[in-house]
Amino acid sequence: MKGLLWLGKVLALLFWAVVATNLVTPFVAPFHLAINLGGAALLLLHVLEALTCKARLADRVLILALGAFHLQSIPTPTVREIEHA
């Protein structure tokens, strides 16, 4: 499972690198719009994930970049931590 999460994180970062490259030097006609729309939709989804997650600020920033791949790697709170809050 850890290997799949790691692979997903790498692919998510690769996708953001493609989106950033497309913003600097746009790709050919039909692809630049599709990449921009896909990046905007994914960013919106990651913002919604970060807003619903009650994690630390550093975790929220990583959720913006990696989405559910980082969300799955955040440990769940123990019963003692929940009772303390």
PDB file of N, CA and C in Angstrom:
ATOM      1  N   MET A   1       0.830  -1.197   0.000  1.00  0.00           N
ATOM      2  CA  MET A   1       0.000   0.000   0.000  1.00  0.00           C
ATOM      3  C   MET A   1       0.869   1.254   0.000  1.00  0.00           C
ATOM      4  N   LYS A   2       1.964   1.196   0.778  1.00  0.00           N
ATOM      5  CA  LYS A   2       2.834   2.356   0.854  1.00  0.00           C
ATOM      6  C   LYS A   2       3.463   2.665  -0.499  1.00  0.00           C
ATOM      7  N   GLY A   3       3.763   1.611  -1.245  1.00  0.00           N
ATOM      8  CA  GLY A   3       4.348   1.793  -2.572  1.00  0.00           C
ATOM      9  C   GLY A   3       3.388   2.479  -3.532  1.00  0.00           C
ATOM     10  N   LEU A   4       2.110   2.110  -3.447  1.00  0.00           N
ATOM     11  CA  LEU A   4       1.118   2.741  -4.322  1.00  0.00           C
ATOM     12  C   LEU A   4       0.901   4.209  -3.954  1.00  0.00           C
ATOM     13  N   LEU A   5       0.928   4.515  -2.653  1.00  0.00           N
ATOM     14  CA  LEU A   5       0.802   5.915  -2.236  1.00  0.00           C
ATOM     15  C   LEU A   5       1.995   6.727  -2.721  1.00  0.00           C
ATOM     16  N   TRP A   6       3.175   6.133  -2.624  1.00  0.00           N
ATOM     17  CA  TRP A   6       4.380   6.822  -3.091  1.00  0.00           C
ATOM     18  C   TRP A   6       4.311   7.067  -4.596  1.00  0.00           C
ATOM     19  N   LEU A   7       3.876   6.053  -5.355  1.00  0.00           N
ATOM     20  CA  LEU A   7       3.743   6.195  -6.802  1.00  0.00           C
ATOM     21  C   LEU A   7       2.696   7.261  -7.149  1.00  0.00           C
ATOM     22  N   GLY A   8       1.608   7.283  -6.418  1.00  0.00           N
ATOM     23  CA  GLY A   8       0.584   8.299  -6.655  1.00  0.00           C
ATOM     24  C   GLY A   8       1.106   9.700  -6.382  1.00  0.00           C
ATOM     25  N   LYS A   9       1.889   9.855  -5.324  1.00  0.00           N
ATOM     26  CA  LYS A   9       2.467  11.171  -5.010  1.00  0.00           C
ATOM     27  C   LYS A   9       3.413  11.633  -6.106  1.00  0.00           C
ATOM     28  N   VAL A  10       4.221  10.713  -6.608  1.00  0.00           N
ATOM     29  CA  VAL A  10       5.154  11.058  -7.693  1.00  0.00           C
ATOM     30  C   VAL A  10       4.390  11.459  -8.949  1.00  0.00           C
ATOM     31  N   LEU A  11       3.343  10.704  -9.273  1.00  0.00           N
ATOM     32  CA  LEU A  11       2.552  11.034 -10.467  1.00  0.00           C
ATOM     33  C   LEU A  11       1.790  12.350 -10.300  1.00  0.00           C
ATOM     34  N   ALA A  12       1.330  12.648  -9.082  1.00  0.00           N
ATOM     35  CA  ALA A  12       0.650  13.920  -8.842  1.00  0.00           C
ATOM     36  C   ALA A  12       1.631  15.087  -9.030  1.00  0.00           C
ATOM     37  N   LEU A  13       2.831  14.943  -8.501  1.00  0.00           N
ATOM     38  CA  LEU A  13       3.834  15.999  -8.691  1.00  0.00           C
ATOM     39  C   LEU A  13       4.225  16.140 -10.158  1.00  0.00           C
ATOM     40  N   LEU A  14       4.279  15.025 -10.877  1.00  0.00           N
ATOM     41  CA  LEU A  14       4.568  15.080 -12.311  1.00  0.00           C
ATOM     42  C   LEU A  14       3.452  15.815 -13.062  1.00  0.00           C
ATOM     43  N   PHE A  15       2.207  15.564 -12.667  1.00  0.00           N
ATOM     44  CA  PHE A  15       1.091  16.269 -13.300  1.00  0.00           C
ATOM     45  C   PHE A  15       1.186  17.772 -13.049  1.00  0.00           C
ATOM     46  N   TRP A  16       1.500  18.184 -11.806  1.00  0.00           N
ATOM     47  CA  TRP A  16       1.628  19.612 -11.518  1.00  0.00           C
ATOM     48  C   TRP A  16       2.802  20.217 -12.273  1.00  0.00           C
ATOM     49  N   ALA A  17       3.855  19.439 -12.521  1.00  0.00           N
ATOM     50  CA  ALA A  17       4.976  19.935 -13.333  1.00  0.00           C
ATOM     51  C   ALA A  17       4.533  20.166 -14.772  1.00  0.00           C
ATOM     52  N   VAL A  18       3.686  19.281 -15.295  1.00  0.00           N
ATOM     53  CA  VAL A  18       3.159  19.457 -16.653  1.00  0.00           C
ATOM     54  C   VAL A  18       2.265  20.697 -16.716  1.00  0.00           C
ATOM     55  N   VAL A  19       1.426  20.897 -15.699  1.00  0.00           N
ATOM     56  CA  VAL A  19       0.548  22.074 -15.673  1.00  0.00           C
ATOM     57  C   VAL A  19       1.385  23.356 -15.603  1.00  0.00           C
ATOM     58  N   ALA A  20       2.409  23.370 -14.758  1.00  0.00           N
ATOM     59  CA  ALA A  20       3.263  24.557 -14.642  1.00  0.00           C
ATOM     60  C   ALA A  20       4.018  24.821 -15.943  1.00  0.00           C
ATOM     61  N   THR A  21       4.507  23.771 -16.585  1.00  0.00           N
ATOM     62  CA  THR A  21       5.187  23.935 -17.872  1.00  0.00           C
ATOM     63  C   THR A  21       4.229  24.474 -18.919  1.00  0.00           C
ATOM     64  N   ASN A  22       2.997  24.009 -18.898  1.00  0.00           N
ATOM     65  CA  ASN A  22       1.988  24.473 -19.848  1.00  0.00           C
ATOM     66  C   ASN A  22       1.660  25.954 -19.624  1.00  0.00           C
ATOM     67  N   LEU A  23       1.725  26.412 -18.394  1.00  0.00           N
ATOM     68  CA  LEU A  23       1.466  27.832 -18.139  1.00  0.00           C
ATOM     69  C   LEU A  23       2.599  28.713 -18.641  1.00  0.00           C
ATOM     70  N   VAL A  24       3.838  28.206 -18.555  1.00  0.00           N
ATOM     71  CA  VAL A  24       4.995  28.998 -19.002  1.00  0.00           C
ATOM     72  C   VAL A  24       5.102  28.983 -20.523  1.00  0.00           C
ATOM     73  N   THR A  25       5.094  27.800 -21.106  1.00  0.00           N
ATOM     74  CA  THR A  25       5.130  27.666 -22.567  1.00  0.00           C
ATOM     75  C   THR A  25       3.986  26.749 -22.988  1.00  0.00           C
ATOM     76  N   PRO A  26       2.898  27.297 -23.487  1.00  0.00           N
ATOM     77  CA  PRO A  26       1.719  26.487 -23.818  1.00  0.00           C
ATOM     78  C   PRO A  26       2.020  25.406 -24.853  1.00  0.00           C
ATOM     79  N   PHE A  27       1.388  24.259 -24.662  1.00  0.00           N
ATOM     80  CA  PHE A  27       1.523  23.159 -25.607  1.00  0.00           C
ATOM     81  C   PHE A  27       0.686  23.458 -26.848  1.00  0.00           C
ATOM     82  N   VAL A  28       0.628  22.517 -27.771  1.00  0.00           N
ATOM     83  CA  VAL A  28      -0.109  22.733 -29.017  1.00  0.00           C
ATOM     84  C   VAL A  28      -1.603  22.918 -28.737  1.00  0.00           C
ATOM     85  N   ALA A  29      -2.292  23.436 -29.737  1.00  0.00           N
ATOM     86  CA  ALA A  29      -3.652  23.966 -29.610  1.00  0.00           C
ATOM     87  C   ALA A  29      -4.654  23.132 -28.817  1.00  0.00           C
ATOM     88  N   PRO A  30      -4.943  21.899 -29.132  1.00  0.00           N
ATOM     89  CA  PRO A  30      -6.024  21.272 -28.360  1.00  0.00           C
ATOM     90  C   PRO A  30      -5.608  20.864 -26.943  1.00  0.00           C
ATOM     91  N   PHE A  31      -4.320  20.700 -26.697  1.00  0.00           N
ATOM     92  CA  PHE A  31      -3.887  20.158 -25.416  1.00  0.00           C
ATOM     93  C   PHE A  31      -3.715  21.213 -24.334  1.00  0.00           C
ATOM     94  N   HIS A  32      -3.336  22.427 -24.703  1.00  0.00           N
ATOM     95  CA  HIS A  32      -3.071  23.424 -23.659  1.00  0.00           C
ATOM     96  C   HIS A  32      -4.336  23.775 -22.885  1.00  0.00           C
ATOM     97  N   LEU A  33      -5.468  23.848 -23.550  1.00  0.00           N
ATOM     98  CA  LEU A  33      -6.723  24.149 -22.865  1.00  0.00           C
ATOM     99  C   LEU A  33      -7.153  22.989 -21.967  1.00  0.00           C
ATOM    100  N   ALA A  34      -7.014  21.764 -22.460  1.00  0.00           N
ATOM    101  CA  ALA A  34      -7.398  20.592 -21.673  1.00  0.00           C
ATOM    102  C   ALA A  34      -6.526  20.467 -20.419  1.00  0.00           C
ATOM    103  N   ILE A  35      -5.243  20.738 -20.537  1.00  0.00           N
ATOM    104  CA  ILE A  35      -4.348  20.655 -19.377  1.00  0.00           C
ATOM    105  C   ILE A  35      -4.700  21.749 -18.374  1.00  0.00           C
ATOM    106  N   ASN A  36      -4.976  22.956 -18.862  1.00  0.00           N
ATOM    107  CA  ASN A  36      -5.357  24.036 -17.948  1.00  0.00           C
ATOM    108  C   ASN A  36      -6.671  23.736 -17.229  1.00  0.00           C
ATOM    109  N   LEU A  37      -7.653  23.216 -17.944  1.00  0.00           N
ATOM    110  CA  LEU A  37      -8.934  22.873 -17.321  1.00  0.00           C
ATOM    111  C   LEU A  37      -8.778  21.721 -16.325  1.00  0.00           C
ATOM    112  N   GLY A  38      -7.992  20.724 -16.681  1.00  0.00           N
ATOM    113  CA  GLY A  38      -7.749  19.613 -15.765  1.00  0.00           C
ATOM    114  C   GLY A  38      -7.020  20.072 -14.511  1.00  0.00           C
ATOM    115  N   GLY A  39      -6.045  20.956 -14.673  1.00  0.00           N
ATOM    116  CA  GLY A  39      -5.324  21.494 -13.520  1.00  0.00           C
ATOM    117  C   GLY A  39      -6.221  22.330 -12.630  1.00  0.00           C
ATOM    118  N   ALA A  40      -7.089  23.137 -13.227  1.00  0.00           N
ATOM    119  CA  ALA A  40      -8.010  23.963 -12.436  1.00  0.00           C
ATOM    120  C   ALA A  40      -9.018  23.096 -11.689  1.00  0.00           C
ATOM    121  N   ALA A  41      -9.529  22.065 -12.338  1.00  0.00           N
ATOM    122  CA  ALA A  41     -10.493  21.168 -11.679  1.00  0.00           C
ATOM    123  C   ALA A  41      -9.834  20.406 -10.538  1.00  0.00           C
ATOM    124  N   LEU A  42      -8.611  19.944 -10.748  1.00  0.00           N
ATOM    125  CA  LEU A  42      -7.907  19.217  -9.692  1.00  0.00           C
ATOM    126  C   LEU A  42      -7.547  20.135  -8.535  1.00  0.00           C
ATOM    127  N   LEU A  43      -7.168  21.367  -8.836  1.00  0.00           N
ATOM    128  CA  LEU A  43      -6.875  22.323  -7.777  1.00  0.00           C
ATOM    129  C   LEU A  43      -8.122  22.615  -6.944  1.00  0.00           C
ATOM    130  N   LEU A  44      -9.263  22.766  -7.595  1.00  0.00           N
ATOM    131  CA  LEU A  44     -10.517  22.979  -6.869  1.00  0.00           C
ATOM    132  C   LEU A  44     -10.837  21.791  -5.962  1.00  0.00           C
ATOM    133  N   LEU A  45     -10.643  20.587  -6.466  1.00  0.00           N
ATOM    134  CA  LEU A  45     -10.887  19.389  -5.668  1.00  0.00           C
ATOM    135  C   LEU A  45      -9.934  19.322  -4.477  1.00  0.00           C
ATOM    136  N   HIS A  46      -8.677  19.664  -4.680  1.00  0.00           N
ATOM    137  CA  HIS A  46      -7.707  19.635  -3.588  1.00  0.00           C
ATOM    138  C   HIS A  46      -7.984  20.728  -2.558  1.00  0.00           C
ATOM    139  N   VAL A  47      -8.476  21.860  -2.989  1.00  0.00           N
ATOM    140  CA  VAL A  47      -8.848  22.920  -2.041  1.00  0.00           C
ATOM    141  C   VAL A  47     -10.009  22.450  -1.171  1.00  0.00           C
ATOM    142  N   LEU A  48     -10.987  21.785  -1.776  1.00  0.00           N
ATOM    143  CA  LEU A  48     -12.105  21.249  -0.995  1.00  0.00           C
ATOM    144  C   LEU A  48     -11.631  20.191  -0.003  1.00  0.00           C
ATOM    145  N   GLU A  49     -10.692  19.339  -0.409  1.00  0.00           N
ATOM    146  CA  GLU A  49     -10.131  18.346   0.507  1.00  0.00           C
ATOM    147  C   GLU A  49      -9.400  19.014   1.660  1.00  0.00           C
ATOM    148  N   ALA A  50      -8.630  20.049   1.360  1.00  0.00           N
ATOM    149  CA  ALA A  50      -7.859  20.742   2.402  1.00  0.00           C
ATOM    150  C   ALA A  50      -8.783  21.469   3.375  1.00  0.00           C
ATOM    151  N   LEU A  51      -9.898  21.999   2.874  1.00  0.00           N
ATOM    152  CA  LEU A  51     -10.833  22.698   3.756  1.00  0.00           C
ATOM    153  C   LEU A  51     -11.578  21.744   4.678  1.00  0.00           C
ATOM    154  N   THR A  52     -11.856  20.541   4.212  1.00  0.00           N
ATOM    155  CA  THR A  52     -12.594  19.593   5.035  1.00  0.00           C
ATOM    156  C   THR A  52     -11.693  18.836   6.009  1.00  0.00           C
ATOM    157  N   CYS A  53     -10.403  18.872   5.774  1.00  0.00           N
ATOM    158  CA  CYS A  53      -9.468  18.151   6.636  1.00  0.00           C
ATOM    159  C   CYS A  53      -9.090  19.033   7.820  1.00  0.00           C
ATOM    160  N   LYS A  54      -9.125  18.471   9.016  1.00  0.00           N
ATOM    161  CA  LYS A  54      -8.777  19.216  10.211  1.00  0.00           C
ATOM    162  C   LYS A  54      -7.364  18.843  10.652  1.00  0.00           C
ATOM    163  N   ALA A  55      -6.422  18.936   9.736  1.00  0.00           N
ATOM    164  CA  ALA A  55      -5.036  18.588  10.027  1.00  0.00           C
ATOM    165  C   ALA A  55      -4.204  19.857  10.239  1.00  0.00           C
ATOM    166  N   ARG A  56      -2.913  19.645  10.476  1.00  0.00           N
ATOM    167  CA  ARG A  56      -2.010  20.783  10.651  1.00  0.00           C
ATOM    168  C   ARG A  56      -1.882  21.551   9.347  1.00  0.00           C
ATOM    169  N   LEU A  57      -1.327  22.761   9.420  1.00  0.00           N
ATOM    170  CA  LEU A  57      -1.169  23.601   8.239  1.00  0.00           C
ATOM    171  C   LEU A  57      -0.235  22.950   7.224  1.00  0.00           C
ATOM    172  N   ALA A  58       0.843  22.333   7.703  1.00  0.00           N
ATOM    173  CA  ALA A  58       1.776  21.667   6.783  1.00  0.00           C
ATOM    174  C   ALA A  58       1.081  20.536   6.028  1.00  0.00           C
ATOM    175  N   ASP A  59       0.207  19.809   6.705  1.00  0.00           N
ATOM    176  CA  ASP A  59      -0.537  18.745   6.029  1.00  0.00           C
ATOM    177  C   ASP A  59      -1.513  19.321   5.014  1.00  0.00           C
ATOM    178  N   ARG A  60      -2.116  20.438   5.323  1.00  0.00           N
ATOM    179  CA  ARG A  60      -3.051  21.057   4.375  1.00  0.00           C
ATOM    180  C   ARG A  60      -2.338  21.512   3.114  1.00  0.00           C
ATOM    181  N   VAL A  61      -1.123  22.024   3.248  1.00  0.00           N
ATOM    182  CA  VAL A  61      -0.353  22.445   2.069  1.00  0.00           C
ATOM    183  C   VAL A  61      -0.018  21.234   1.212  1.00  0.00           C
ATOM    184  N   LEU A  62       0.371  20.134   1.849  1.00  0.00           N
ATOM    185  CA  LEU A  62       0.665  18.927   1.087  1.00  0.00           C
ATOM    186  C   LEU A  62      -0.591  18.345   0.450  1.00  0.00           C
ATOM    187  N   ILE A  63      -1.745  18.522   1.087  1.00  0.00           N
ATOM    188  CA  ILE A  63      -2.995  18.063   0.480  1.00  0.00           C
ATOM    189  C   ILE A  63      -3.294  18.879  -0.779  1.00  0.00           C
ATOM    190  N   LEU A  64      -2.959  20.163  -0.764  1.00  0.00           N
ATOM    191  CA  LEU A  64      -3.164  20.979  -1.967  1.00  0.00           C
ATOM    192  C   LEU A  64      -2.351  20.450  -3.134  1.00  0.00           C
ATOM    193  N   ALA A  65      -1.158  19.945  -2.869  1.00  0.00           N
ATOM    194  CA  ALA A  65      -0.310  19.453  -3.947  1.00  0.00           C
ATOM    195  C   ALA A  65      -0.593  17.995  -4.293  1.00  0.00           C
ATOM    196  N   LEU A  66      -0.809  17.155  -3.284  1.00  0.00           N
ATOM    197  CA  LEU A  66      -0.887  15.714  -3.512  1.00  0.00           C
ATOM    198  C   LEU A  66      -2.283  15.128  -3.366  1.00  0.00           C
ATOM    199  N   GLY A  67      -3.192  15.868  -2.757  1.00  0.00           N
ATOM    200  CA  GLY A  67      -4.575  15.413  -2.637  1.00  0.00           C
ATOM    201  C   GLY A  67      -4.744  14.200  -1.749  1.00  0.00           C
ATOM    202  N   ALA A  68      -5.528  13.255  -2.208  1.00  0.00           N
ATOM    203  CA  ALA A  68      -5.875  12.085  -1.404  1.00  0.00           C
ATOM    204  C   ALA A  68      -4.669  11.194  -1.134  1.00  0.00           C
ATOM    205  N   PHE A  69      -3.628  11.295  -1.947  1.00  0.00           N
ATOM    206  CA  PHE A  69      -2.444  10.487  -1.695  1.00  0.00           C
ATOM    207  C   PHE A  69      -1.781  10.894  -0.382  1.00  0.00           C
ATOM    208  N   HIS A  70      -1.768  12.172  -0.070  1.00  0.00           N
ATOM    209  CA  HIS A  70      -1.231  12.584   1.221  1.00  0.00           C
ATOM    210  C   HIS A  70      -2.267  12.380   2.329  1.00  0.00           C
ATOM    211  N   LEU A  71      -3.505  12.565   2.003  1.00  0.00           N
ATOM    212  CA  LEU A  71      -4.576  12.389   2.995  1.00  0.00           C
ATOM    213  C   LEU A  71      -4.573  10.972   3.554  1.00  0.00           C
ATOM    214  N   GLN A  72      -4.268   9.989   2.709  1.00  0.00           N
ATOM    215  CA  GLN A  72      -4.222   8.599   3.162  1.00  0.00           C
ATOM    216  C   GLN A  72      -3.023   8.325   4.055  1.00  0.00           C
ATOM    217  N   SER A  73      -1.963   9.127   3.950  1.00  0.00           N
ATOM    218  CA  SER A  73      -0.760   8.874   4.746  1.00  0.00           C
ATOM    219  C   SER A  73      -0.783   9.581   6.101  1.00  0.00           C
ATOM    220  N   ILE A  74      -1.801  10.405   6.374  1.00  0.00           N
ATOM    221  CA  ILE A  74      -1.918  11.050   7.679  1.00  0.00           C
ATOM    222  C   ILE A  74      -2.445  10.023   8.668  1.00  0.00           C
ATOM    223  N   PRO A  75      -1.731   9.807   9.788  1.00  0.00           N
ATOM    224  CA  PRO A  75      -2.208   8.797  10.742  1.00  0.00           C
ATOM    225  C   PRO A  75      -3.520   9.236  11.401  1.00  0.00           C
ATOM    226  N   THR A  76      -4.365   8.272  11.670  1.00  0.00           N
ATOM    227  CA  THR A  76      -5.626   8.572  12.340  1.00  0.00           C
ATOM    228  C   THR A  76      -5.367   8.820  13.820  1.00  0.00           C
ATOM    229  N   PRO A  77      -6.101   9.727  14.427  1.00  0.00           N
ATOM    230  CA  PRO A  77      -5.878  10.005  15.850  1.00  0.00           C
ATOM    231  C   PRO A  77      -6.289   8.830  16.718  1.00  0.00           C
ATOM    232  N   THR A  78      -5.582   8.658  17.806  1.00  0.00           N
ATOM    233  CA  THR A  78      -5.914   7.574  18.729  1.00  0.00           C
ATOM    234  C   THR A  78      -7.077   7.995  19.611  1.00  0.00           C
ATOM    235  N   VAL A  79      -7.630   7.046  20.363  1.00  0.00           N
ATOM    236  CA  VAL A  79      -8.762   7.325  21.252  1.00  0.00           C
ATOM    237  C   VAL A  79      -8.336   8.319  22.320  1.00  0.00           C
ATOM    238  N   ARG A  80      -7.115   8.199  22.810  1.00  0.00           N
ATOM    239  CA  ARG A  80      -6.642   9.094  23.849  1.00  0.00           C
ATOM    240  C   ARG A  80      -6.543  10.542  23.341  1.00  0.00           C
ATOM    241  N   GLU A  81      -6.081  10.718  22.093  1.00  0.00           N
ATOM    242  CA  GLU A  81      -6.000  12.058  21.509  1.00  0.00           C
ATOM    243  C   GLU A  81      -7.398  12.649  21.329  1.00  0.00           C
ATOM    244  N   ILE A  82      -8.366  11.821  20.970  1.00  0.00           N
ATOM    245  CA  ILE A  82      -9.733  12.303  20.754  1.00  0.00           C
ATOM    246  C   ILE A  82     -10.347  12.715  22.086  1.00  0.00           C
ATOM    247  N   GLU A  83     -10.123  11.929  23.130  1.00  0.00           N
ATOM    248  CA  GLU A  83     -10.678  12.265  24.451  1.00  0.00           C
ATOM    249  C   GLU A  83     -10.037  13.517  25.010  1.00  0.00           C
ATOM    250  N   HIS A  84      -8.765  13.741  24.684  1.00  0.00           N
ATOM    251  CA  HIS A  84      -8.067  14.917  25.181  1.00  0.00           C
ATOM    252  C   HIS A  84      -8.593  16.206  24.565  1.00  0.00           C
ATOM    253  N   ALA A  85      -8.997  16.104  23.309  1.00  0.00           N
ATOM    254  CA  ALA A  85      -9.508  17.292  22.620  1.00  0.00           C
ATOM    255  C   ALA A  85     -10.865  17.598  23.138  1.00  0.00           C
TER     256      ALA A  85
END
